[in-house]
Structure formats: structure tokens, C-alpha cells
């Protein structure tokens, strides 16, 4: 059964694993997760936080290349909105 169709999955996010953090603050992402997202040694991840009531409640890891593409897309849309359909 596809991951998004599994019972209890909302389709937007899910708990993939419980990951221990060692005394140096390091953690290891499970191999199946790394393989599914195409993460390789040397890749960069952007760490984002979500705050609720003044405290960080969630950490989100995004492949840096995906974040960069999303920012470029968003900025392109903003630029188009500011410039309109004026010829170059």
C-alpha cells in the first residue's frame, strides 16, 4: 500500500522514526529515509524551526537544493507581480 494511503496518515506529514541524539548533538537519519529522498553523503540540509507559544516545537529538514528551487520560484512570482507584463 502506498505510504500516503496507510491508515493514520494525513498525507501531509508523518512520524518517520524516533532518532536518538548523542552527547555531541549528532543523529543519524535512517537508511530507508535517506534512500527515499535521495540523500547522499555531502548533501546539504536546511534546518527550519516552527515555534508555538514562544518555544520551538518542530524541526523541519529540507534538501538545500529543493529549498533553493522553492525560493527562486517564489521570488520569480514576486518579480512578475511587481513588474507586470512589461516587455524586457
Foldseek 3Di string as FASTA:
>chain_A
DDPCPDPPHPNPDDDPDDWDADPVRDTDDDPVVCVVVVNDPPWDWDWDFDDDPRDTDDIDTDGPVVVVVVVVVVVVVVVCVVVPPDDD
